Amino acid sequence: MGEHGFDAQVHFDMHGLRGKNAPPMKVGIDSYCYHRFFGEVYPMQTPAARPYTMDTFLDRAKALGCNGVSLESCFFPEFSANYLTGLRRRLDALGFDRVYAWGHPNGLEAGGSVQAKAELLAHIGFARLIGAPVMRVVGSSLMFRFAPHEPQLKILAEWFREATDLASKQGIRLAVENHIDYNADEILWLIEQVGSEYFGINLDTANFLRVLDDPVEATRKLARHVLATHVKDIRPVKGVSAREWYYFSCVAAGEGLIEIDTIAQVLKDAGYQGFLAFETDMPHPDYRDREEEMIEKSIRHLKNVTANLK
């Protein structure tokens, strides 16, 4: 037993997660859906009347009937061992699968921030303390997408190899998100350069389209490397420049351009055993300040999708 009363490693069957005889795919939610409630209010939004805490979010996820939660570290109130082990006990009691999500908003800044790299390494231990077998990580963001990608990816491959070596010793797999930065071929190159079963992708269904990559084809290329998901649906916003990242803004799952049912089937066929985590960022004007309606519709839709997988 570890110093905090539980095994130091998170036990995770690396090979038992794949296969045709897998149980039904689960549905979950990422806490970023409630970013306005956690205090991150976009310029065109109004502050939430009732702020959220971690407990508020977990209670809401349970009421929605979610099986899993992806917890954005930017909304954690603290990172003490006492807090994190207490959070682990609450997650266990609620029966939640979990992903620890590090890197909002700019992650490793395309390989430009040594300070962010040190933070990433520290957060691996935090993921272990809450019992998360997968940790979402971010290499870059839309802030760096127009700079040359090859130098960025070379640095990121080196940094992620180091982080993966540390994470693997703690039984944690790292899942890099496509974060409105790289296309599927670039993400695949990065995964192959790291070259470890402890490193894969947190597949965001919408962000590939935002870099003009086909989400279904991207999923097919990367399916065997998918460790976690962000399931977004998006459609264009009239009157917004196509150069803006939020030209494609979020709508309820099933109401936009993303072929979620096809993507889910591709993942199932590849033996994906994680949960489908609904996530939003910029709400479409049809849902502005109406996140709850969007979330409720989306969770219902994802449950219907998973129930109808072949």
C-alpha atoms as a PDB file:
ATOM      1  CA  MET A   1       0.000   0.000   0.000  1.00  0.00           C
ATOM      2  CA  GLY A   2       1.137   3.540  -0.688  1.00  0.00           C
ATOM      3  CA  GLU A   3       1.601   6.299   1.844  1.00  0.00           C
ATOM      4  CA  HIS A   4      -1.974   7.497   1.265  1.00  0.00           C
ATOM      5  CA  GLY A   5      -3.537   4.124   1.961  1.00  0.00           C
ATOM      6  CA  PHE A   6      -3.909   2.637  -1.506  1.00  0.00           C
ATOM      7  CA  ASP A   7      -1.734   1.038  -4.139  1.00  0.00           C
ATOM      8  CA  ALA A   8       0.724   3.469  -5.660  1.00  0.00           C
ATOM      9  CA  GLN A   9      -0.134   2.283  -9.161  1.00  0.00           C
ATOM     10  CA  VAL A  10      -3.509   2.437 -10.835  1.00  0.00           C
ATOM     11  CA  HIS A  11      -4.109  -1.081 -12.088  1.00  0.00           C
ATOM     12  CA  PHE A  12      -5.207  -0.992 -15.705  1.00  0.00           C
ATOM     13  CA  ASP A  13      -5.466  -3.998 -17.998  1.00  0.00           C
ATOM     14  CA  MET A  14      -3.740  -2.748 -21.126  1.00  0.00           C
ATOM     15  CA  HIS A  15      -4.832  -5.632 -23.318  1.00  0.00           C
ATOM     16  CA  GLY A  16      -8.188  -6.498 -21.782  1.00  0.00           C
ATOM     17  CA  LEU A  17      -9.679  -3.225 -22.989  1.00  0.00           C
ATOM     18  CA  ARG A  18      -9.759  -4.286 -26.624  1.00  0.00           C
ATOM     19  CA  GLY A  19     -11.892  -6.926 -28.233  1.00  0.00           C
ATOM     20  CA  LYS A  20     -15.229  -7.725 -29.789  1.00  0.00           C
ATOM     21  CA  ASN A  21     -16.690  -9.122 -26.553  1.00  0.00           C
ATOM     22  CA  ALA A  22     -16.412  -5.792 -24.763  1.00  0.00           C
ATOM     23  CA  PRO A  23     -19.298  -4.564 -22.570  1.00  0.00           C
ATOM     24  CA  PRO A  24     -21.561  -1.763 -23.905  1.00  0.00           C
ATOM     25  CA  MET A  25     -19.844   1.576 -24.384  1.00  0.00           C
ATOM     26  CA  LYS A  26     -20.393   3.986 -21.512  1.00  0.00           C
ATOM     27  CA  VAL A  27     -21.445   7.653 -21.628  1.00  0.00           C
ATOM     28  CA  GLY A  28     -19.904  10.460 -19.591  1.00  0.00           C
ATOM     29  CA  ILE A  29     -19.295  14.180 -19.469  1.00  0.00           C
ATOM     30  CA  ASP A  30     -16.337  16.555 -19.304  1.00  0.00           C
ATOM     31  CA  SER A  31     -16.485  19.262 -16.657  1.00  0.00           C
ATOM     32  CA  TYR A  32     -15.604  21.884 -19.290  1.00  0.00           C
ATOM     33  CA  CYS A  33     -19.263  21.727 -20.353  1.00  0.00           C
ATOM     34  CA  TYR A  34     -19.850  23.916 -17.300  1.00  0.00           C
ATOM     35  CA  HIS A  35     -16.910  26.308 -17.798  1.00  0.00           C
ATOM     36  CA  ARG A  36     -19.210  29.333 -17.454  1.00  0.00           C
ATOM     37  CA  PHE A  37     -20.427  27.954 -14.120  1.00  0.00           C
ATOM     38  CA  PHE A  38     -16.832  27.403 -12.965  1.00  0.00           C
ATOM     39  CA  GLY A  39     -16.022  31.040 -13.733  1.00  0.00           C
ATOM     40  CA  GLU A  40     -14.506  30.884 -17.222  1.00  0.00           C
ATOM     41  CA  VAL A  41     -16.887  33.205 -19.068  1.00  0.00           C
ATOM     42  CA  TYR A  42     -16.314  33.925 -22.758  1.00  0.00           C
ATOM     43  CA  PRO A  43     -16.657  37.591 -23.854  1.00  0.00           C
ATOM     44  CA  MET A  44     -20.047  36.964 -25.501  1.00  0.00           C
ATOM     45  CA  GLN A  45     -21.441  35.104 -22.464  1.00  0.00           C
ATOM     46  CA  THR A  46     -22.958  36.225 -19.184  1.00  0.00           C
ATOM     47  CA  PRO A  47     -21.731  34.910 -15.817  1.00  0.00           C
ATOM     48  CA  ALA A  48     -23.701  32.016 -14.381  1.00  0.00           C
ATOM     49  CA  ALA A  49     -26.165  32.987 -11.672  1.00  0.00           C
ATOM     50  CA  ARG A  50     -25.206  29.938  -9.607  1.00  0.00           C
ATOM     51  CA  PRO A  51     -21.497  29.011  -9.599  1.00  0.00           C
ATOM     52  CA  TYR A  52     -20.448  25.359  -9.616  1.00  0.00           C
ATOM     53  CA  THR A  53     -18.080  23.520  -7.320  1.00  0.00           C
ATOM     54  CA  MET A  54     -16.600  20.093  -7.965  1.00  0.00           C
ATOM     55  CA  ASP A  55     -19.346  18.565  -5.809  1.00  0.00           C
ATOM     56  CA  THR A  56     -22.032  20.416  -7.783  1.00  0.00           C
ATOM     57  CA  PHE A  57     -20.635  19.042 -11.018  1.00  0.00           C
ATOM     58  CA  LEU A  58     -20.382  15.468  -9.737  1.00  0.00           C
ATOM     59  CA  ASP A  59     -23.940  15.590  -8.416  1.00  0.00           C
ATOM     60  CA  ARG A  60     -25.138  16.886 -11.779  1.00  0.00           C
ATOM     61  CA  ALA A  61     -23.224  14.208 -13.699  1.00  0.00           C
ATOM     62  CA  LYS A  62     -24.842  11.547 -11.520  1.00  0.00           C
ATOM     63  CA  ALA A  63     -28.308  13.024 -12.022  1.00  0.00           C
ATOM     64  CA  LEU A  64     -27.737  12.952 -15.784  1.00  0.00           C
ATOM     65  CA  GLY A  65     -27.057   9.226 -15.554  1.00  0.00           C
ATOM     66  CA  CYS A  66     -23.418   9.481 -16.631  1.00  0.00           C
ATOM     67  CA  ASN A  67     -21.057   6.543 -16.153  1.00  0.00           C
ATOM     68  CA  GLY A  68     -17.867   8.574 -16.311  1.00  0.00           C
ATOM     69  CA  VAL A  69     -16.428  12.053 -15.817  1.00  0.00           C
ATOM     70  CA  SER A  70     -13.487  13.850 -17.349  1.00  0.00           C
ATOM     71  CA  LEU A  71     -12.258  16.361 -14.776  1.00  0.00           C
ATOM     72  CA  GLU A  72     -10.527  19.516 -15.997  1.00  0.00           C
ATOM     73  CA  SER A  73      -7.681  20.311 -13.629  1.00  0.00           C
ATOM     74  CA  CYS A  74      -8.122  24.048 -14.266  1.00  0.00           C
ATOM     75  CA  PHE A  75     -11.304  23.867 -12.169  1.00  0.00           C
ATOM     76  CA  PHE A  76      -9.795  22.012  -9.188  1.00  0.00           C
ATOM     77  CA  PRO A  77      -9.872  24.149  -6.038  1.00  0.00           C
ATOM     78  CA  GLU A  78      -6.590  22.663  -4.763  1.00  0.00           C
ATOM     79  CA  PHE A  79      -4.141  19.818  -5.335  1.00  0.00           C
ATOM     80  CA  SER A  80      -3.311  18.703  -1.821  1.00  0.00           C
ATOM     81  CA  ALA A  81      -3.072  14.957  -1.182  1.00  0.00           C
ATOM     82  CA  ASN A  82      -5.954  15.199   1.283  1.00  0.00           C
ATOM     83  CA  TYR A  83      -8.240  16.858  -1.245  1.00  0.00           C
ATOM     84  CA  LEU A  84      -7.331  14.512  -4.095  1.00  0.00           C
ATOM     85  CA  THR A  85      -7.680  11.317  -2.073  1.00  0.00           C
ATOM     86  CA  GLY A  86     -11.023  12.575  -0.780  1.00  0.00           C
ATOM     87  CA  LEU A  87     -12.098  13.238  -4.355  1.00  0.00           C
ATOM     88  CA  ARG A  88     -11.062   9.719  -5.274  1.00  0.00           C
ATOM     89  CA  ARG A  89     -13.282   8.312  -2.540  1.00  0.00           C
ATOM     90  CA  ARG A  90     -16.217  10.386  -3.785  1.00  0.00           C
ATOM     91  CA  LEU A  91     -15.687   9.243  -7.379  1.00  0.00           C
ATOM     92  CA  ASP A  92     -15.493   5.634  -6.196  1.00  0.00           C
ATOM     93  CA  ALA A  93     -18.685   6.009  -4.173  1.00  0.00           C
ATOM     94  CA  LEU A  94     -20.499   7.469  -7.178  1.00  0.00           C
ATOM     95  CA  GLY A  95     -19.213   4.649  -9.383  1.00  0.00           C
ATOM     96  CA  PHE A  96     -17.626   6.963 -11.953  1.00  0.00           C
ATOM     97  CA  ASP A  97     -15.020   5.973 -14.492  1.00  0.00           C
ATOM     98  CA  ARG A  98     -12.672   8.928 -14.724  1.00  0.00           C
ATOM     99  CA  VAL A  99     -10.150  10.825 -16.812  1.00  0.00           C
ATOM    100  CA  TYR A 100      -7.876  13.482 -15.343  1.00  0.00           C
ATOM    101  CA  ALA A 101      -7.697  16.337 -17.863  1.00  0.00           C
ATOM    102  CA  TRP A 102      -4.625  18.576 -17.872  1.00  0.00           C
ATOM    103  CA  GLY A 103      -3.667  21.309 -20.297  1.00  0.00           C
ATOM    104  CA  HIS A 104      -6.350  23.972 -20.644  1.00  0.00           C
ATOM    105  CA  PRO A 105      -5.954  26.323 -22.404  1.00  0.00           C
ATOM    106  CA  ASN A 106      -2.585  26.041 -24.173  1.00  0.00           C
ATOM    107  CA  GLY A 107      -0.908  22.941 -22.762  1.00  0.00           C
ATOM    108  CA  LEU A 108       2.781  22.745 -23.589  1.00  0.00           C
ATOM    109  CA  GLU A 109       2.450  25.797 -25.854  1.00  0.00           C
ATOM    110  CA  ALA A 110       3.601  23.825 -28.895  1.00  0.00           C
ATOM    111  CA  GLY A 111       6.844  22.924 -27.138  1.00  0.00           C
ATOM    112  CA  GLY A 112       7.530  26.498 -26.077  1.00  0.00           C
ATOM    113  CA  SER A 113       7.010  26.326 -22.314  1.00  0.00           C
ATOM    114  CA  VAL A 114       9.410  24.441 -20.067  1.00  0.00           C
ATOM    115  CA  GLN A 115       7.317  25.602 -17.104  1.00  0.00           C
ATOM    116  CA  ALA A 116       4.239  23.914 -18.590  1.00  0.00           C
ATOM    117  CA  LYS A 117       6.258  20.728 -19.094  1.00  0.00           C
ATOM    118  CA  ALA A 118       7.180  20.702 -15.382  1.00  0.00           C
ATOM    119  CA  GLU A 119       3.509  21.251 -14.519  1.00  0.00           C
ATOM    120  CA  LEU A 120       2.477  18.338 -16.730  1.00  0.00           C
ATOM    121  CA  LEU A 121       4.915  16.022 -14.981  1.00  0.00           C
ATOM    122  CA  ALA A 122       3.639  17.110 -11.563  1.00  0.00           C
ATOM    123  CA  HIS A 123       0.015  16.512 -12.547  1.00  0.00           C
ATOM    124  CA  ILE A 124       0.694  12.866 -13.370  1.00  0.00           C
ATOM    125  CA  GLY A 125       0.910  12.306  -9.634  1.00  0.00           C
ATOM    126  CA  PHE A 126      -2.386  14.139  -9.145  1.00  0.00           C
ATOM    127  CA  ALA A 127      -4.055  11.851 -11.697  1.00  0.00           C
ATOM    128  CA  ARG A 128      -2.780   8.868  -9.715  1.00  0.00           C
ATOM    129  CA  LEU A 129      -4.198  10.255  -6.480  1.00  0.00           C
ATOM    130  CA  ILE A 130      -7.740  10.468  -7.879  1.00  0.00           C
ATOM    131  CA  GLY A 131      -7.444   6.974  -9.365  1.00  0.00           C
ATOM    132  CA  ALA A 132      -7.542   8.030 -13.016  1.00  0.00           C
ATOM    133  CA  PRO A 133      -6.053   5.406 -15.365  1.00  0.00           C
ATOM    134  CA  VAL A 134      -5.983   7.950 -18.233  1.00  0.00           C
ATOM    135  CA  MET A 135      -4.769  11.544 -18.200  1.00  0.00           C
ATOM    136  CA  ARG A 136      -5.713  13.897 -21.029  1.00  0.00           C
ATOM    137  CA  VAL A 137      -2.780  16.112 -22.021  1.00  0.00           C
ATOM    138  CA  VAL A 138      -2.462  19.035 -24.421  1.00  0.00           C
ATOM    139  CA  GLY A 139       0.529  19.768 -26.611  1.00  0.00           C
ATOM    140  CA  SER A 140      -0.631  22.939 -28.305  1.00  0.00           C
ATOM    141  CA  SER A 141      -3.714  25.007 -29.099  1.00  0.00           C
ATOM    142  CA  LEU A 142      -5.296  27.302 -31.644  1.00  0.00           C
ATOM    143  CA  MET A 143      -2.881  30.029 -30.467  1.00  0.00           C
ATOM    144  CA  PHE A 144       0.000  28.279 -32.247  1.00  0.00           C
ATOM    145  CA  ARG A 145      -1.776  26.612 -35.159  1.00  0.00           C
ATOM    146  CA  PHE A 146      -0.434  28.935 -37.860  1.00  0.00           C
ATOM    147  CA  ALA A 147       3.237  28.538 -36.843  1.00  0.00           C
ATOM    148  CA  PRO A 148       5.261  25.755 -38.551  1.00  0.00           C
ATOM    149  CA  HIS A 149       4.183  22.412 -37.110  1.00  0.00           C
ATOM    150  CA  GLU A 150       7.243  20.254 -37.725  1.00  0.00           C
ATOM    151  CA  PRO A 151       9.490  21.985 -35.132  1.00  0.00           C
ATOM    152  CA  GLN A 152       6.631  21.907 -32.621  1.00  0.00           C
ATOM    153  CA  LEU A 153       5.977  18.209 -33.088  1.00  0.00           C
ATOM    154  CA  LYS A 154       9.645  17.253 -32.752  1.00  0.00           C
ATOM    155  CA  ILE A 155       9.869  18.972 -29.369  1.00  0.00           C
ATOM    156  CA  LEU A 156       6.522  17.561 -28.242  1.00  0.00           C
ATOM    157  CA  ALA A 157       7.557  14.026 -29.168  1.00  0.00           C
ATOM    158  CA  GLU A 158      10.622  14.343 -26.928  1.00  0.00           C
ATOM    159  CA  TRP A 159       8.667  15.855 -24.044  1.00  0.00           C
ATOM    160  CA  PHE A 160       5.847  13.332 -24.292  1.00  0.00           C
ATOM    161  CA  ARG A 161       8.337  10.441 -24.309  1.00  0.00           C
ATOM    162  CA  GLU A 162       9.691  11.728 -21.005  1.00  0.00           C
ATOM    163  CA  ALA A 163       6.205  12.223 -19.553  1.00  0.00           C
ATOM    164  CA  THR A 164       5.022   8.822 -20.768  1.00  0.00           C
ATOM    165  CA  ASP A 165       7.992   7.114 -19.157  1.00  0.00           C
ATOM    166  CA  LEU A 166       7.046   8.716 -15.833  1.00  0.00           C
ATOM    167  CA  ALA A 167       3.328   7.998 -16.257  1.00  0.00           C
ATOM    168  CA  SER A 168       3.865   4.364 -17.202  1.00  0.00           C
ATOM    169  CA  LYS A 169       5.677   3.755 -13.919  1.00  0.00           C
ATOM    170  CA  GLN A 170       2.478   4.882 -12.162  1.00  0.00           C
ATOM    171  CA  GLY A 171       0.152   2.827 -14.364  1.00  0.00           C
ATOM    172  CA  ILE A 172      -1.290   5.879 -16.113  1.00  0.00           C
ATOM    173  CA  ARG A 173      -1.741   6.341 -19.832  1.00  0.00           C
ATOM    174  CA  LEU A 174      -1.436   9.787 -21.426  1.00  0.00           C
ATOM    175  CA  ALA A 175      -3.921  10.815 -24.108  1.00  0.00           C
ATOM    176  CA  VAL A 176      -2.991  13.866 -26.185  1.00  0.00           C
ATOM    177  CA  GLU A 177      -5.991  15.830 -27.412  1.00  0.00           C
ATOM    178  CA  ASN A 178      -6.323  17.172 -30.944  1.00  0.00           C
ATOM    179  CA  HIS A 179      -6.791  20.700 -29.651  1.00  0.00           C
ATOM    180  CA  ILE A 180      -7.499  22.789 -32.764  1.00  0.00           C
ATOM    181  CA  ASP A 181      -3.808  22.411 -33.541  1.00  0.00           C
ATOM    182  CA  TYR A 182      -2.838  19.266 -35.477  1.00  0.00           C
ATOM    183  CA  ASN A 183      -4.533  17.031 -38.025  1.00  0.00           C
ATOM    184  CA  ALA A 184      -4.879  13.258 -37.786  1.00  0.00           C
ATOM    185  CA  ASP A 185      -1.658  12.500 -39.661  1.00  0.00           C
ATOM    186  CA  GLU A 186       0.310  14.782 -37.358  1.00  0.00           C
ATOM    187  CA  ILE A 187      -1.231  13.245 -34.241  1.00  0.00           C
ATOM    188  CA  LEU A 188      -0.493   9.758 -35.597  1.00  0.00           C
ATOM    189  CA  TRP A 189       3.131  10.757 -36.248  1.00  0.00           C
ATOM    190  CA  LEU A 190       3.394  12.040 -32.668  1.00  0.00           C
ATOM    191  CA  ILE A 191       1.969   8.815 -31.232  1.00  0.00           C
ATOM    192  CA  GLU A 192       4.312   6.692 -33.313  1.00  0.00           C
ATOM    193  CA  GLN A 193       7.310   8.792 -32.290  1.00  0.00           C
ATOM    194  CA  VAL A 194       6.504   8.359 -28.599  1.00  0.00           C
ATOM    195  CA  GLY A 195       6.109   4.659 -29.331  1.00  0.00           C
ATOM    196  CA  SER A 196       4.445   3.438 -26.151  1.00  0.00           C
ATOM    197  CA  GLU A 197       1.163   1.710 -25.353  1.00  0.00           C
ATOM    198  CA  TYR A 198       0.933   4.239 -22.526  1.00  0.00           C
ATOM    199  CA  PHE A 199       0.518   7.116 -25.008  1.00  0.00           C
ATOM    200  CA  GLY A 200      -2.424   7.693 -27.314  1.00  0.00           C
ATOM    201  CA  ILE A 201      -5.105  10.217 -28.183  1.00  0.00           C
ATOM    202  CA  ASN A 202      -7.992  11.932 -26.446  1.00  0.00           C
ATOM    203  CA  LEU A 203     -10.134  12.070 -29.586  1.00  0.00           C
ATOM    204  CA  ASP A 204     -12.106  15.300 -29.938  1.00  0.00           C
ATOM    205  CA  THR A 205     -14.764  14.664 -32.566  1.00  0.00           C
ATOM    206  CA  ALA A 206     -15.151  18.325 -33.575  1.00  0.00           C
ATOM    207  CA  ASN A 207     -11.628  19.705 -33.420  1.00  0.00           C
ATOM    208  CA  PHE A 208     -10.467  17.795 -36.479  1.00  0.00           C
ATOM    209  CA  LEU A 209     -13.149  19.527 -38.554  1.00  0.00           C
ATOM    210  CA  ARG A 210     -11.954  22.845 -37.147  1.00  0.00           C
ATOM    211  CA  VAL A 211      -8.571  22.214 -38.799  1.00  0.00           C
ATOM    212  CA  LEU A 212     -10.378  21.024 -41.959  1.00  0.00           C
ATOM    213  CA  ASP A 213      -9.714  17.327 -41.393  1.00  0.00           C
ATOM    214  CA  ASP A 214     -12.496  14.776 -41.813  1.00  0.00           C
ATOM    215  CA  PRO A 215     -13.566  13.557 -38.331  1.00  0.00           C
ATOM    216  CA  VAL A 216     -14.652  10.077 -39.454  1.00  0.00           C
ATOM    217  CA  GLU A 217     -11.507   9.433 -41.486  1.00  0.00           C
ATOM    218  CA  ALA A 218      -9.401  10.817 -38.640  1.00  0.00           C
ATOM    219  CA  THR A 219     -11.086   8.416 -36.239  1.00  0.00           C
ATOM    220  CA  ARG A 220     -10.400   5.479 -38.575  1.00  0.00           C
ATOM    221  CA  LYS A 221      -6.705   6.414 -38.714  1.00  0.00           C
ATOM    222  CA  LEU A 222      -6.403   6.744 -34.951  1.00  0.00           C
ATOM    223  CA  ALA A 223      -9.035   4.355 -33.557  1.00  0.00           C
ATOM    224  CA  ARG A 224      -6.607   1.801 -32.127  1.00  0.00           C
ATOM    225  CA  HIS A 225      -4.817   4.604 -30.259  1.00  0.00           C
ATOM    226  CA  VAL A 226      -7.915   6.217 -28.701  1.00  0.00           C
ATOM    227  CA  LEU A 227      -7.724   6.241 -24.898  1.00  0.00           C
ATOM    228  CA  ALA A 228     -10.396   8.876 -24.161  1.00  0.00           C
ATOM    229  CA  THR A 229     -12.859  11.098 -25.998  1.00  0.00           C
ATOM    230  CA  HIS A 230     -14.443  14.512 -26.155  1.00  0.00           C
ATOM    231  CA  VAL A 231     -17.666  14.153 -28.101  1.00  0.00           C
ATOM    232  CA  LYS A 232     -18.650  17.530 -29.505  1.00  0.00           C
ATOM    233  CA  ASP A 233     -21.125  18.385 -32.222  1.00  0.00           C
ATOM    234  CA  ILE A 234     -20.825  21.653 -34.122  1.00  0.00           C
ATOM    235  CA  ARG A 235     -22.296  23.719 -36.905  1.00  0.00           C
ATOM    236  CA  PRO A 236     -21.350  27.039 -38.515  1.00  0.00           C
ATOM    237  CA  VAL A 237     -22.441  30.365 -37.081  1.00  0.00           C
ATOM    238  CA  LYS A 238     -23.850  32.821 -39.583  1.00  0.00           C
ATOM    239  CA  GLY A 239     -22.064  36.150 -39.493  1.00  0.00           C
ATOM    240  CA  VAL A 240     -18.852  34.815 -37.912  1.00  0.00           C
ATOM    241  CA  SER A 241     -15.683  34.767 -39.993  1.00  0.00           C
ATOM    242  CA  ALA A 242     -14.553  31.287 -41.021  1.00  0.00           C
ATOM    243  CA  ARG A 243     -11.116  32.287 -39.712  1.00  0.00           C
ATOM    244  CA  GLU A 244     -12.479  32.339 -36.163  1.00  0.00           C
ATOM    245  CA  TRP A 245     -12.150  29.061 -34.228  1.00  0.00           C
ATOM    246  CA  TYR A 246     -15.755  29.369 -33.079  1.00  0.00           C
ATOM    247  CA  TYR A 247     -17.104  29.644 -36.638  1.00  0.00           C
ATOM    248  CA  PHE A 248     -17.945  26.026 -35.847  1.00  0.00           C
ATOM    249  CA  SER A 249     -19.787  26.366 -32.520  1.00  0.00           C
ATOM    250  CA  CYS A 250     -21.286  23.703 -30.293  1.00  0.00           C
ATOM    251  CA  VAL A 251     -24.805  22.323 -30.504  1.00  0.00           C
ATOM    252  CA  ALA A 252     -26.451  19.316 -28.901  1.00  0.00           C
ATOM    253  CA  ALA A 253     -25.053  15.963 -30.004  1.00  0.00           C
ATOM    254  CA  GLY A 254     -26.892  14.818 -33.101  1.00  0.00           C
ATOM    255  CA  GLU A 255     -27.856  18.325 -34.243  1.00  0.00           C
ATOM    256  CA  GLY A 256     -24.664  19.319 -36.042  1.00  0.00           C
ATOM    257  CA  LEU A 257     -22.197  18.185 -38.692  1.00  0.00           C
ATOM    258  CA  ILE A 258     -20.374  15.466 -36.743  1.00  0.00           C
ATOM    259  CA  GLU A 259     -21.293  11.865 -37.586  1.00  0.00           C
ATOM    260  CA  ILE A 260     -21.236  10.746 -33.968  1.00  0.00           C
ATOM    261  CA  ASP A 261     -22.945   7.414 -34.584  1.00  0.00           C
ATOM    262  CA  THR A 262     -20.391   6.471 -37.251  1.00  0.00           C
ATOM    263  CA  ILE A 263     -17.473   7.571 -35.068  1.00  0.00           C
ATOM    264  CA  ALA A 264     -18.829   5.559 -32.126  1.00  0.00           C
ATOM    265  CA  GLN A 265     -19.151   2.479 -34.324  1.00  0.00           C
ATOM    266  CA  VAL A 266     -15.571   2.870 -35.557  1.00  0.00           C
ATOM    267  CA  LEU A 267     -14.399   3.074 -31.953  1.00  0.00           C
ATOM    268  CA  LYS A 268     -16.417   0.038 -30.913  1.00  0.00           C
ATOM    269  CA  ASP A 269     -15.084  -1.967 -33.861  1.00  0.00           C
ATOM    270  CA  ALA A 270     -11.564  -1.052 -32.723  1.00  0.00           C
ATOM    271  CA  GLY A 271     -12.362  -2.310 -29.219  1.00  0.00           C
ATOM    272  CA  TYR A 272     -12.452   1.067 -27.473  1.00  0.00           C
ATOM    273  CA  GLN A 273     -13.455   0.544 -23.831  1.00  0.00           C
ATOM    274  CA  GLY A 274     -13.438   4.066 -22.504  1.00  0.00           C
ATOM    275  CA  PHE A 275     -16.543   6.216 -22.241  1.00  0.00           C
ATOM    276  CA  LEU A 276     -17.958   8.759 -24.694  1.00  0.00           C
ATOM    277  CA  ALA A 277     -17.484  12.050 -22.832  1.00  0.00           C
ATOM    278  CA  PHE A 278     -19.740  14.833 -24.036  1.00  0.00           C
ATOM    279  CA  GLU A 279     -17.976  18.206 -24.110  1.00  0.00           C
ATOM    280  CA  THR A 280     -18.724  21.716 -25.309  1.00  0.00           C
ATOM    281  CA  ASP A 281     -16.747  24.912 -25.581  1.00  0.00           C
ATOM    282  CA  MET A 282     -18.355  27.838 -27.423  1.00  0.00           C
ATOM    283  CA  PRO A 283     -22.121  27.323 -27.517  1.00  0.00           C
ATOM    284  CA  HIS A 284     -23.833  28.088 -30.831  1.00  0.00           C
ATOM    285  CA  PRO A 285     -26.107  31.161 -30.553  1.00  0.00           C
ATOM    286  CA  ASP A 286     -29.037  28.728 -30.492  1.00  0.00           C
ATOM    287  CA  TYR A 287     -27.735  27.497 -27.111  1.00  0.00           C
ATOM    288  CA  ARG A 288     -26.036  30.544 -25.659  1.00  0.00           C
ATOM    289  CA  ASP A 289     -26.428  30.513 -21.860  1.00  0.00           C
ATOM    290  CA  ARG A 290     -28.549  27.368 -22.275  1.00  0.00           C
ATOM    291  CA  GLU A 291     -25.861  24.767 -21.656  1.00  0.00           C
ATOM    292  CA  GLU A 292     -28.078  22.591 -19.510  1.00  0.00           C
ATOM    293  CA  GLU A 293     -30.583  22.046 -22.301  1.00  0.00           C
ATOM    294  CA  MET A 294     -27.756  21.177 -24.700  1.00  0.00           C
ATOM    295  CA  ILE A 295     -26.173  18.790 -22.196  1.00  0.00           C
ATOM    296  CA  GLU A 296     -29.385  16.963 -21.374  1.00  0.00           C
ATOM    297  CA  LYS A 297     -30.209  16.452 -25.057  1.00  0.00           C
ATOM    298  CA  SER A 298     -26.658  15.303 -25.749  1.00  0.00           C
ATOM    299  CA  ILE A 299     -26.456  12.730 -22.963  1.00  0.00           C
ATOM    300  CA  ARG A 300     -29.775  11.266 -24.125  1.00  0.00           C
ATOM    301  CA  HIS A 301     -28.490  11.142 -27.696  1.00  0.00           C
ATOM    302  CA  LEU A 302     -25.210   9.469 -26.751  1.00  0.00           C
ATOM    303  CA  LYS A 303     -27.054   6.841 -24.724  1.00  0.00           C
ATOM    304  CA  ASN A 304     -29.204   6.130 -27.763  1.00  0.00           C
ATOM    305  CA  VAL A 305     -26.120   5.927 -29.986  1.00  0.00           C
ATOM    306  CA  THR A 306     -24.357   3.456 -27.693  1.00  0.00           C
ATOM    307  CA  ALA A 307     -27.511   1.364 -27.328  1.00  0.00           C
ATOM    308  CA  ASN A 308     -27.685   0.945 -31.105  1.00  0.00           C
ATOM    309  CA  LEU A 309     -24.067   0.045 -31.801  1.00  0.00           C
ATOM    310  CA  LYS A 310     -23.675  -3.225 -33.690  1.00  0.00           C
END
